C-alpha cells in the first residue's frame, strides 16, 4: 500500500499508522513497525520538506529530485 500511495503523509509519527489503518483491513501498528526498523520503509523529509513514508526503493529514486531546491 505504501508503494501504491507513493509517499503517504507522516509528519506526525501516528499519522502514518492512521493513514494505513484507514486503507488496509485489519491493519495494526505492529505490521508497520518492523518495516521501519528493517529499513524496508523510510520515514523522511521527501516531499515539500515534510515527513512522508516511502518504500526504501522509492525513497532512493525520489529523494535526489527535490534536494537541489531544499538546500
N, C-alpha and C. Protein backbone atom coordinates (compact mmCIF):
# COMPACT_ATOMS: atom_id res chain seq x y z
N UNK A 1 0.83 -1.19 0.00
CA UNK A 1 0.00 0.00 0.00
C UNK A 1 0.87 1.25 0.00
N UNK A 2 1.97 1.25 0.74
CA UNK A 2 2.84 2.42 0.79
C UNK A 2 3.39 2.72 -0.59
N UNK A 3 3.79 1.70 -1.31
CA UNK A 3 4.28 1.88 -2.67
C UNK A 3 3.20 2.39 -3.61
N UNK A 4 1.99 1.93 -3.45
CA UNK A 4 0.89 2.37 -4.31
C UNK A 4 0.50 3.81 -4.02
N UNK A 5 0.63 4.24 -2.79
CA UNK A 5 0.30 5.61 -2.43
C UNK A 5 1.46 6.57 -2.75
N UNK A 6 2.59 6.03 -3.09
CA UNK A 6 3.84 6.72 -3.40
C UNK A 6 4.51 7.23 -2.14
N UNK A 7 3.91 8.15 -1.42
CA UNK A 7 4.54 8.68 -0.21
C UNK A 7 3.47 9.24 0.72
N UNK A 8 2.80 8.40 1.49
CA UNK A 8 1.77 8.93 2.39
C UNK A 8 2.35 9.85 3.45
N UNK A 9 1.56 10.83 3.82
CA UNK A 9 1.94 11.83 4.82
C UNK A 9 2.29 11.15 6.14
N UNK A 10 3.38 11.59 6.75
CA UNK A 10 3.79 11.02 8.04
C UNK A 10 4.46 12.09 8.89
N UNK A 11 3.94 13.32 8.81
CA UNK A 11 4.54 14.43 9.56
C UNK A 11 4.60 14.12 11.04
N UNK A 12 3.50 13.66 11.56
CA UNK A 12 3.46 13.18 12.94
C UNK A 12 3.54 11.66 12.87
N UNK A 13 4.34 11.03 13.72
CA UNK A 13 4.52 9.58 13.60
C UNK A 13 3.22 8.78 13.55
N UNK A 14 2.23 9.15 14.34
CA UNK A 14 0.99 8.37 14.36
C UNK A 14 0.17 8.53 13.09
N UNK A 15 0.34 9.61 12.32
CA UNK A 15 -0.44 9.81 11.11
C UNK A 15 -0.18 8.70 10.10
N UNK A 16 1.05 8.22 10.03
CA UNK A 16 1.36 7.14 9.09
C UNK A 16 0.54 5.90 9.44
N UNK A 17 0.47 5.58 10.72
CA UNK A 17 -0.30 4.41 11.15
C UNK A 17 -1.79 4.60 10.87
N UNK A 18 -2.31 5.78 11.16
CA UNK A 18 -3.73 6.06 10.94
C UNK A 18 -4.05 6.01 9.45
N UNK A 19 -3.19 6.61 8.63
CA UNK A 19 -3.41 6.59 7.19
C UNK A 19 -3.47 5.19 6.62
N UNK A 20 -2.61 4.32 7.09
CA UNK A 20 -2.63 2.94 6.61
C UNK A 20 -3.80 2.16 7.21
N UNK A 21 -4.12 2.44 8.46
CA UNK A 21 -5.25 1.77 9.13
C UNK A 21 -6.55 2.06 8.39
N UNK A 22 -6.71 3.28 7.86
CA UNK A 22 -7.91 3.66 7.11
C UNK A 22 -8.01 2.94 5.77
N UNK A 23 -6.90 2.49 5.24
CA UNK A 23 -6.87 1.91 3.90
C UNK A 23 -6.72 0.39 3.87
N UNK A 24 -6.22 -0.21 4.93
CA UNK A 24 -5.93 -1.64 4.93
C UNK A 24 -6.77 -2.32 6.00
N UNK A 25 -7.57 -3.29 5.57
CA UNK A 25 -8.41 -4.04 6.51
C UNK A 25 -7.54 -4.74 7.54
N UNK A 26 -7.87 -4.61 8.78
CA UNK A 26 -7.20 -5.27 9.91
C UNK A 26 -5.74 -4.83 10.08
N UNK A 27 -5.41 -3.63 9.61
CA UNK A 27 -4.04 -3.12 9.79
C UNK A 27 -3.80 -2.80 11.26
N UNK A 28 -2.62 -3.16 11.75
CA UNK A 28 -2.23 -2.82 13.12
C UNK A 28 -0.84 -2.18 13.10
N UNK A 29 -0.55 -1.46 14.16
CA UNK A 29 0.74 -0.79 14.29
C UNK A 29 1.89 -1.79 14.20
N UNK A 30 1.67 -2.97 14.69
CA UNK A 30 2.74 -3.98 14.71
C UNK A 30 3.13 -4.45 13.31
N UNK A 31 2.32 -4.13 12.28
CA UNK A 31 2.69 -4.50 10.92
C UNK A 31 3.67 -3.51 10.31
N UNK A 32 3.57 -2.23 10.64
CA UNK A 32 4.44 -1.21 10.05
C UNK A 32 5.78 -1.10 10.78
N UNK A 33 5.77 -1.22 12.07
CA UNK A 33 6.98 -1.01 12.87
C UNK A 33 8.17 -1.87 12.40
N UNK A 34 8.01 -3.16 12.15
CA UNK A 34 9.17 -3.95 11.68
C UNK A 34 9.71 -3.46 10.34
N UNK A 35 8.84 -3.00 9.45
CA UNK A 35 9.30 -2.49 8.16
C UNK A 35 10.17 -1.25 8.35
N UNK A 36 9.79 -0.40 9.31
CA UNK A 36 10.60 0.78 9.60
C UNK A 36 11.94 0.39 10.23
N UNK A 37 11.89 -0.54 11.17
CA UNK A 37 13.12 -0.98 11.84
C UNK A 37 14.08 -1.66 10.88
N UNK A 38 13.55 -2.44 9.94
CA UNK A 38 14.38 -3.15 8.97
C UNK A 38 14.75 -2.27 7.76
N UNK A 39 14.26 -1.04 7.76
CA UNK A 39 14.52 -0.07 6.69
C UNK A 39 13.97 -0.51 5.33
N UNK A 40 12.89 -1.26 5.37
CA UNK A 40 12.17 -1.56 4.14
C UNK A 40 11.28 -0.38 3.78
N UNK A 41 10.89 0.36 4.81
CA UNK A 41 10.09 1.58 4.67
C UNK A 41 10.85 2.70 5.37
N UNK A 42 10.83 3.89 4.76
CA UNK A 42 11.57 5.04 5.28
C UNK A 42 10.58 6.15 5.63
N UNK A 43 10.78 6.79 6.76
CA UNK A 43 10.03 8.00 7.12
C UNK A 43 11.04 9.13 7.09
N UNK A 44 10.86 10.03 6.12
CA UNK A 44 11.85 11.07 5.92
C UNK A 44 11.24 12.27 5.23
N UNK A 45 11.97 13.38 5.27
CA UNK A 45 11.57 14.57 4.53
C UNK A 45 11.74 14.31 3.05
N UNK A 46 10.67 13.97 2.38
CA UNK A 46 10.76 13.56 0.98
C UNK A 46 10.14 14.59 0.05
N UNK A 47 8.93 15.01 0.36
CA UNK A 47 8.21 15.96 -0.49
C UNK A 47 7.89 17.21 0.33
N UNK A 48 8.11 18.35 -0.24
CA UNK A 48 7.78 19.64 0.40
C UNK A 48 8.43 19.78 1.77
N UNK A 49 9.53 19.14 2.01
CA UNK A 49 10.26 19.21 3.29
C UNK A 49 9.43 18.72 4.47
N UNK A 50 8.42 17.92 4.21
CA UNK A 50 7.63 17.33 5.28
C UNK A 50 7.88 15.83 5.31
N UNK A 51 7.53 15.20 6.40
CA UNK A 51 7.77 13.78 6.58
C UNK A 51 6.74 12.95 5.82
N UNK A 52 7.24 11.97 5.10
CA UNK A 52 6.40 11.03 4.37
C UNK A 52 6.97 9.64 4.54
N UNK A 53 6.12 8.63 4.31
CA UNK A 53 6.59 7.25 4.26
C UNK A 53 6.84 6.89 2.81
N UNK A 54 7.86 6.10 2.58
CA UNK A 54 8.14 5.59 1.24
C UNK A 54 8.82 4.24 1.38
N UNK A 55 8.63 3.40 0.39
CA UNK A 55 9.42 2.18 0.39
C UNK A 55 10.88 2.58 0.21
N UNK A 56 11.79 1.75 0.64
CA UNK A 56 13.21 2.09 0.53
C UNK A 56 13.60 2.32 -0.94
N UNK A 57 13.08 1.50 -1.85
CA UNK A 57 13.39 1.67 -3.27
C UNK A 57 12.85 2.99 -3.81
N UNK A 58 11.60 3.32 -3.47
CA UNK A 58 11.01 4.59 -3.92
C UNK A 58 11.79 5.77 -3.35
N UNK A 59 12.17 5.67 -2.09
CA UNK A 59 12.91 6.76 -1.46
C UNK A 59 14.23 7.01 -2.19
N UNK A 60 14.96 5.95 -2.50
CA UNK A 60 16.25 6.11 -3.18
C UNK A 60 16.09 6.75 -4.56
N UNK A 61 14.98 6.47 -5.22
CA UNK A 61 14.74 7.08 -6.54
C UNK A 61 14.24 8.52 -6.43
N UNK A 62 13.41 8.81 -5.45
CA UNK A 62 12.76 10.12 -5.37
C UNK A 62 13.55 11.16 -4.60
N UNK A 63 14.27 10.77 -3.59
CA UNK A 63 14.93 11.72 -2.70
C UNK A 63 15.86 12.69 -3.42
N UNK A 64 16.65 12.26 -4.40
CA UNK A 64 17.56 13.22 -5.06
C UNK A 64 16.84 14.32 -5.84
N UNK A 65 15.61 14.10 -6.26
CA UNK A 65 14.93 15.06 -7.12
C UNK A 65 14.68 16.42 -6.46
N UNK A 66 14.11 16.49 -5.26
CA UNK A 66 13.85 17.81 -4.66
C UNK A 66 15.05 18.41 -3.93
N UNK A 67 16.11 17.67 -3.73
CA UNK A 67 17.22 18.14 -2.89
C UNK A 67 17.84 19.46 -3.36
N UNK A 68 18.05 19.70 -4.65
CA UNK A 68 18.63 21.00 -5.04
C UNK A 68 17.80 22.20 -4.59
N UNK A 69 16.48 22.02 -4.51
CA UNK A 69 15.61 23.13 -4.10
C UNK A 69 15.57 23.30 -2.59
N UNK A 70 15.95 22.27 -1.85
CA UNK A 70 15.84 22.30 -0.39
C UNK A 70 17.12 22.70 0.31
N UNK A 71 18.19 22.81 -0.42
CA UNK A 71 19.48 23.13 0.20
C UNK A 71 19.62 24.62 0.40
